Amino acid sequence: MTGQDEFCGNFFIFEKNDLMGRKLIEDIIKTIPSVGEIINTTWDYLNLSKQYVRRNFGEVLMRFDKEATNVFKKYEREAIKELALSWIES
């Protein structure tokens, strides 16, 4: 970091010319699956029949949301951990 970096709460905001930092963040973000991938993973995990979904739509919606959120959080935690390790090592 340079003396020109700005500190905001617990996060450092990179200067515009800090390409390594930006590249690192972009690469880490790419490890988080897209919304479509998370939806497909969740659907596969829950393994629900279409008939069950039709009869229990409200319940399924809540279960689906909870599981999809868990899938996202898992990848988010891994990405943040990788980012922190990369910053520590650099």
N, C-alpha and C. Protein backbone atom coordinates (compact mmCIF):
# COMPACT_ATOMS: atom_id res chain seq x y z
N MET A 1 0.83 -1.19 0.00
CA MET A 1 0.00 0.00 0.00
C MET A 1 0.87 1.23 0.00
N THR A 2 0.34 2.28 -0.58
CA THR A 2 1.07 3.54 -0.59
C THR A 2 0.44 4.49 0.40
N GLY A 3 1.12 5.60 0.64
CA GLY A 3 0.59 6.60 1.54
C GLY A 3 -0.66 7.27 1.01
N GLN A 4 -0.93 7.07 -0.29
CA GLN A 4 -2.10 7.70 -0.89
C GLN A 4 -3.34 6.82 -0.81
N ASP A 5 -3.21 5.60 -0.34
CA ASP A 5 -4.37 4.74 -0.20
C ASP A 5 -5.29 5.32 0.88
N GLU A 6 -6.57 5.16 0.69
CA GLU A 6 -7.55 5.70 1.61
C GLU A 6 -8.10 4.57 2.47
N PHE A 7 -8.19 4.81 3.77
CA PHE A 7 -8.72 3.79 4.67
C PHE A 7 -10.18 4.11 4.94
N CYS A 8 -11.03 3.09 4.80
CA CYS A 8 -12.46 3.28 5.00
C CYS A 8 -12.96 2.15 5.89
N GLY A 9 -13.25 2.41 7.15
CA GLY A 9 -13.67 1.36 8.06
C GLY A 9 -12.57 0.33 8.19
N ASN A 10 -12.89 -0.94 7.91
CA ASN A 10 -11.89 -2.00 7.96
C ASN A 10 -11.34 -2.35 6.59
N PHE A 11 -11.68 -1.57 5.58
CA PHE A 11 -11.30 -1.91 4.23
C PHE A 11 -10.42 -0.83 3.62
N PHE A 12 -9.42 -1.25 2.87
CA PHE A 12 -8.59 -0.32 2.14
C PHE A 12 -9.14 -0.16 0.74
N ILE A 13 -9.26 1.06 0.28
CA ILE A 13 -9.71 1.33 -1.07
C ILE A 13 -8.46 1.54 -1.92
N PHE A 14 -8.33 0.75 -2.96
CA PHE A 14 -7.15 0.82 -3.81
C PHE A 14 -7.14 2.08 -4.65
N GLU A 15 -5.95 2.58 -4.92
CA GLU A 15 -5.79 3.66 -5.87
C GLU A 15 -6.18 3.13 -7.24
N LYS A 16 -6.53 4.01 -8.15
CA LYS A 16 -6.94 3.60 -9.48
C LYS A 16 -5.83 2.84 -10.20
N ASN A 17 -4.58 3.17 -9.93
CA ASN A 17 -3.48 2.53 -10.64
C ASN A 17 -2.99 1.25 -9.96
N ASP A 18 -3.69 0.80 -8.96
CA ASP A 18 -3.29 -0.44 -8.29
C ASP A 18 -3.89 -1.62 -9.04
N LEU A 19 -3.29 -1.93 -10.18
CA LEU A 19 -3.82 -2.97 -11.06
C LEU A 19 -3.71 -4.36 -10.45
N MET A 20 -2.65 -4.62 -9.69
CA MET A 20 -2.51 -5.93 -9.07
C MET A 20 -3.64 -6.21 -8.09
N GLY A 21 -3.98 -5.21 -7.29
CA GLY A 21 -5.07 -5.37 -6.32
C GLY A 21 -6.40 -5.58 -7.02
N ARG A 22 -6.64 -4.80 -8.06
CA ARG A 22 -7.88 -4.94 -8.82
C ARG A 22 -7.95 -6.30 -9.51
N LYS A 23 -6.85 -6.73 -10.08
CA LYS A 23 -6.81 -8.03 -10.77
C LYS A 23 -7.08 -9.14 -9.77
N LEU A 24 -6.47 -9.05 -8.60
CA LEU A 24 -6.68 -10.05 -7.55
C LEU A 24 -8.15 -10.14 -7.18
N ILE A 25 -8.79 -9.01 -6.96
CA ILE A 25 -10.20 -9.00 -6.59
C ILE A 25 -11.06 -9.56 -7.72
N GLU A 26 -10.77 -9.17 -8.95
CA GLU A 26 -11.53 -9.69 -10.09
C GLU A 26 -11.39 -11.20 -10.20
N ASP A 27 -10.17 -11.71 -10.01
CA ASP A 27 -9.95 -13.16 -10.08
C ASP A 27 -10.69 -13.89 -8.97
N ILE A 28 -10.70 -13.32 -7.78
CA ILE A 28 -11.39 -13.95 -6.65
C ILE A 28 -12.90 -13.96 -6.89
N ILE A 29 -13.44 -12.86 -7.41
CA ILE A 29 -14.87 -12.77 -7.67
C ILE A 29 -15.30 -13.83 -8.68
N LYS A 30 -14.43 -14.14 -9.63
CA LYS A 30 -14.75 -15.14 -10.65
C LYS A 30 -14.93 -16.54 -10.06
N THR A 31 -14.46 -16.76 -8.84
CA THR A 31 -14.61 -18.08 -8.22
C THR A 31 -16.01 -18.29 -7.64
N ILE A 32 -16.79 -17.21 -7.53
CA ILE A 32 -18.16 -17.32 -7.03
C ILE A 32 -19.07 -17.64 -8.22
N PRO A 33 -19.85 -18.71 -8.12
CA PRO A 33 -20.71 -19.10 -9.25
C PRO A 33 -21.78 -18.05 -9.55
N SER A 34 -22.27 -18.09 -10.78
CA SER A 34 -23.34 -17.18 -11.19
C SER A 34 -24.64 -17.57 -10.47
N VAL A 35 -25.61 -16.68 -10.55
CA VAL A 35 -26.92 -16.96 -9.95
C VAL A 35 -27.52 -18.22 -10.58
N GLY A 36 -27.40 -18.34 -11.89
CA GLY A 36 -27.93 -19.52 -12.57
C GLY A 36 -27.30 -20.81 -12.08
N GLU A 37 -25.99 -20.79 -11.86
CA GLU A 37 -25.29 -21.97 -11.34
C GLU A 37 -25.75 -22.30 -9.92
N ILE A 38 -25.94 -21.27 -9.11
CA ILE A 38 -26.40 -21.48 -7.74
C ILE A 38 -27.82 -22.06 -7.75
N ILE A 39 -28.67 -21.56 -8.62
CA ILE A 39 -30.04 -22.09 -8.73
C ILE A 39 -30.01 -23.56 -9.14
N ASN A 40 -29.19 -23.89 -10.14
CA ASN A 40 -29.09 -25.28 -10.60
C ASN A 40 -28.55 -26.20 -9.50
N THR A 41 -27.54 -25.74 -8.79
CA THR A 41 -26.97 -26.52 -7.69
C THR A 41 -28.02 -26.76 -6.61
N THR A 42 -28.76 -25.72 -6.28
CA THR A 42 -29.79 -25.82 -5.25
C THR A 42 -30.90 -26.78 -5.69
N TRP A 43 -31.35 -26.65 -6.93
CA TRP A 43 -32.40 -27.52 -7.45
C TRP A 43 -31.96 -28.98 -7.40
N ASP A 44 -30.71 -29.23 -7.84
CA ASP A 44 -30.18 -30.60 -7.81
C ASP A 44 -30.08 -31.13 -6.37
N TYR A 45 -29.64 -30.28 -5.46
CA TYR A 45 -29.47 -30.70 -4.07
C TYR A 45 -30.82 -31.04 -3.43
N LEU A 46 -31.82 -30.20 -3.65
CA LEU A 46 -33.13 -30.43 -3.04
C LEU A 46 -33.85 -31.62 -3.67
N ASN A 47 -33.59 -31.88 -4.94
CA ASN A 47 -34.12 -33.06 -5.62
C ASN A 47 -35.63 -33.22 -5.41
N LEU A 48 -36.37 -32.17 -5.72
CA LEU A 48 -37.82 -32.17 -5.52
C LEU A 48 -38.55 -32.47 -6.82
N SER A 49 -39.65 -33.18 -6.72
CA SER A 49 -40.45 -33.44 -7.92
C SER A 49 -41.27 -32.19 -8.25
N LYS A 50 -41.60 -32.03 -9.51
CA LYS A 50 -42.41 -30.88 -9.92
C LYS A 50 -43.78 -30.92 -9.24
N GLN A 51 -44.30 -32.12 -9.06
CA GLN A 51 -45.60 -32.27 -8.39
C GLN A 51 -45.51 -31.78 -6.94
N TYR A 52 -44.44 -32.12 -6.24
CA TYR A 52 -44.25 -31.67 -4.86
C TYR A 52 -44.16 -30.14 -4.82
N VAL A 53 -43.44 -29.58 -5.78
CA VAL A 53 -43.28 -28.13 -5.83
C VAL A 53 -44.64 -27.46 -6.03
N ARG A 54 -45.45 -28.02 -6.93
CA ARG A 54 -46.78 -27.45 -7.19
C ARG A 54 -47.67 -27.47 -5.94
N ARG A 55 -47.59 -28.56 -5.19
CA ARG A 55 -48.45 -28.71 -4.00
C ARG A 55 -47.94 -27.93 -2.79
N ASN A 56 -46.65 -27.69 -2.74
CA ASN A 56 -46.04 -27.06 -1.56
C ASN A 56 -45.18 -25.85 -1.95
N PHE A 57 -45.71 -25.06 -2.84
CA PHE A 57 -44.91 -23.99 -3.43
C PHE A 57 -44.31 -23.03 -2.40
N GLY A 58 -45.09 -22.58 -1.45
CA GLY A 58 -44.60 -21.64 -0.44
C GLY A 58 -43.46 -22.24 0.38
N GLU A 59 -43.65 -23.46 0.83
CA GLU A 59 -42.62 -24.15 1.62
C GLU A 59 -41.35 -24.35 0.78
N VAL A 60 -41.55 -24.78 -0.47
CA VAL A 60 -40.41 -25.02 -1.35
C VAL A 60 -39.65 -23.72 -1.60
N LEU A 61 -40.38 -22.64 -1.81
CA LEU A 61 -39.74 -21.35 -2.04
C LEU A 61 -38.85 -20.96 -0.86
N MET A 62 -39.34 -21.18 0.34
CA MET A 62 -38.55 -20.84 1.53
C MET A 62 -37.33 -21.76 1.65
N ARG A 63 -37.52 -23.06 1.43
CA ARG A 63 -36.39 -24.00 1.47
C ARG A 63 -35.36 -23.68 0.40
N PHE A 64 -35.87 -23.37 -0.79
CA PHE A 64 -34.98 -23.07 -1.91
C PHE A 64 -34.14 -21.83 -1.62
N ASP A 65 -34.80 -20.79 -1.10
CA ASP A 65 -34.09 -19.56 -0.77
C ASP A 65 -33.02 -19.81 0.28
N LYS A 66 -33.38 -20.56 1.30
CA LYS A 66 -32.42 -20.86 2.38
C LYS A 66 -31.21 -21.63 1.84
N GLU A 67 -31.46 -22.66 1.04
CA GLU A 67 -30.36 -23.47 0.52
C GLU A 67 -29.51 -22.69 -0.48
N ALA A 68 -30.14 -21.91 -1.35
CA ALA A 68 -29.39 -21.10 -2.32
C ALA A 68 -28.51 -20.09 -1.59
N THR A 69 -29.04 -19.51 -0.53
CA THR A 69 -28.25 -18.57 0.27
C THR A 69 -27.05 -19.28 0.90
N ASN A 70 -27.26 -20.49 1.40
CA ASN A 70 -26.15 -21.26 1.98
C ASN A 70 -25.08 -21.58 0.94
N VAL A 71 -25.51 -21.93 -0.27
CA VAL A 71 -24.55 -22.22 -1.35
C VAL A 71 -23.73 -20.97 -1.65
N PHE A 72 -24.41 -19.83 -1.79
CA PHE A 72 -23.70 -18.58 -2.07
C PHE A 72 -22.73 -18.24 -0.95
N LYS A 73 -23.18 -18.33 0.29
CA LYS A 73 -22.32 -17.98 1.43
C LYS A 73 -21.08 -18.87 1.51
N LYS A 74 -21.24 -20.14 1.15
CA LYS A 74 -20.09 -21.05 1.14
C LYS A 74 -19.02 -20.54 0.16
N TYR A 75 -19.43 -20.21 -1.04
CA TYR A 75 -18.48 -19.71 -2.03
C TYR A 75 -17.94 -18.34 -1.64
N GLU A 76 -18.79 -17.50 -1.04
CA GLU A 76 -18.36 -16.18 -0.61
C GLU A 76 -17.29 -16.29 0.47
N ARG A 77 -17.51 -17.18 1.45
CA ARG A 77 -16.50 -17.38 2.51
C ARG A 77 -15.17 -17.84 1.93
N GLU A 78 -15.23 -18.79 1.00
CA GLU A 78 -14.01 -19.29 0.37
C GLU A 78 -13.29 -18.18 -0.38
N ALA A 79 -14.05 -17.33 -1.08
CA ALA A 79 -13.45 -16.23 -1.84
C ALA A 79 -12.80 -15.21 -0.91
N ILE A 80 -13.49 -14.87 0.16
CA ILE A 80 -12.93 -13.90 1.11
C ILE A 80 -11.68 -14.46 1.78
N LYS A 81 -11.71 -15.75 2.12
CA LYS A 81 -10.53 -16.38 2.72
C LYS A 81 -9.36 -16.33 1.75
N GLU A 82 -9.61 -16.67 0.50
CA GLU A 82 -8.55 -16.66 -0.52
C GLU A 82 -8.01 -15.23 -0.72
N LEU A 83 -8.89 -14.26 -0.73
CA LEU A 83 -8.48 -12.86 -0.87
C LEU A 83 -7.60 -12.44 0.31
N ALA A 84 -8.03 -12.78 1.51
CA ALA A 84 -7.25 -12.42 2.70
C ALA A 84 -5.87 -13.09 2.67
N LEU A 85 -5.81 -14.37 2.31
CA LEU A 85 -4.52 -15.06 2.24
C LEU A 85 -3.62 -14.44 1.19
N SER A 86 -4.20 -14.06 0.07
CA SER A 86 -3.41 -13.43 -1.00
C SER A 86 -2.86 -12.10 -0.55
N TRP A 87 -3.67 -11.31 0.17
CA TRP A 87 -3.19 -10.02 0.66
C TRP A 87 -2.10 -10.20 1.71
N ILE A 88 -2.27 -11.19 2.56
CA ILE A 88 -1.26 -11.43 3.59
C ILE A 88 0.07 -11.84 2.96
N GLU A 89 0.01 -12.67 1.93
CA GLU A 89 1.21 -13.16 1.28
C GLU A 89 1.91 -12.11 0.42
N SER A 90 1.19 -11.07 0.02
CA SER A 90 1.82 -10.07 -0.86
C SER A 90 2.44 -8.94 -0.09
